[in-house]
Amino acid sequence: MGKLHLPIIIEMDEDGYYIVSCPLFKGCHSYGETIDEALENIREVIEMCLEEAKVEEINKFVGFRELEITENV
């Protein structure tokens, strides 16, 4: 079995938990109190997603961009 290199998005919520997502799979999210815990948890979720999808059928990650928005104050 080959290795996959998957993009992971890491955010911090208002309570200090790390929220992790893999944009290649719909609904592929998890969290943890530390980044390491969050990454371990998302690994389990990704493995479950891979059980139901063929590698050839997963979404293709294109890239990350920032979008500037003016705040309405």
Protein backbone atom coordinates (compact mmCIF):
# COMPACT_ATOMS: atom_id res chain seq x y z
CA MET A 1 0.00 0.00 0.00
CA GLY A 2 1.35 3.44 -0.93
CA LYS A 3 1.44 6.52 1.22
CA LEU A 4 -0.95 9.43 0.81
CA HIS A 5 -0.01 13.02 1.60
CA LEU A 6 -3.22 14.82 2.51
CA PRO A 7 -3.84 18.50 3.26
CA ILE A 8 -5.02 19.25 6.78
CA ILE A 9 -6.48 22.55 7.94
CA ILE A 10 -5.88 23.42 11.61
CA GLU A 11 -7.87 26.12 13.41
CA MET A 12 -8.32 27.08 17.05
CA ASP A 13 -11.81 27.64 18.42
CA GLU A 14 -12.90 30.11 21.08
CA ASP A 15 -12.36 27.52 23.83
CA GLY A 16 -8.76 26.81 22.80
CA TYR A 17 -9.43 23.44 21.12
CA TYR A 18 -7.72 22.65 17.83
CA ILE A 19 -10.19 21.90 15.05
CA VAL A 20 -8.76 19.88 12.16
CA SER A 21 -10.28 19.17 8.76
CA CYS A 22 -9.25 17.31 5.64
CA PRO A 23 -10.83 19.13 2.67
CA LEU A 24 -10.54 16.06 0.44
CA PHE A 25 -13.42 14.37 2.24
CA LYS A 26 -16.85 15.84 2.93
CA GLY A 27 -17.49 16.02 6.68
CA CYS A 28 -13.94 15.00 7.63
CA HIS A 29 -13.37 16.95 10.83
CA SER A 30 -12.10 16.30 14.34
CA TYR A 31 -10.58 18.15 17.28
CA GLY A 32 -8.19 17.87 20.19
CA GLU A 33 -6.79 19.75 23.16
CA THR A 34 -3.35 19.78 21.47
CA ILE A 35 -2.32 19.81 17.82
CA ASP A 36 -0.85 16.32 18.19
CA GLU A 37 -4.09 14.98 19.68
CA ALA A 38 -6.13 16.65 16.95
CA LEU A 39 -3.89 15.17 14.23
CA GLU A 40 -4.14 11.71 15.79
CA ASN A 41 -7.94 12.04 15.84
CA ILE A 42 -8.19 13.26 12.23
CA ARG A 43 -6.02 10.32 11.15
CA GLU A 44 -8.69 7.95 12.50
CA VAL A 45 -11.45 9.88 10.70
CA ILE A 46 -9.48 9.85 7.42
CA GLU A 47 -8.97 6.09 7.73
CA MET A 48 -12.75 5.67 8.08
CA CYS A 49 -13.32 7.91 5.04
CA LEU A 50 -10.83 5.86 3.01
CA GLU A 51 -12.73 2.66 3.86
CA GLU A 52 -15.71 4.06 1.98
CA ALA A 53 -13.96 5.82 -0.92
CA LYS A 54 -11.42 4.77 -3.49
CA VAL A 55 -8.26 6.88 -3.60
CA GLU A 56 -8.99 7.74 -7.24
CA GLU A 57 -12.42 9.14 -6.27
CA ILE A 58 -11.41 11.60 -3.55
CA ASN A 59 -11.51 15.35 -4.17
CA LYS A 60 -8.37 17.01 -5.50
CA PHE A 61 -6.81 19.68 -3.30
CA VAL A 62 -6.03 22.75 -5.40
CA GLY A 63 -4.54 25.12 -2.86
CA PHE A 64 -5.08 27.67 -0.16
CA ARG A 65 -5.91 31.32 -0.69
CA GLU A 66 -6.71 34.29 1.52
CA LEU A 67 -9.60 36.55 0.66
CA GLU A 68 -9.68 40.12 1.96
CA ILE A 69 -13.05 41.27 3.26
CA THR A 70 -13.85 44.75 4.58
CA GLU A 71 -15.50 44.67 8.00
CA ASN A 72 -18.78 46.51 8.47
CA VAL A 73 -18.20 48.41 11.68
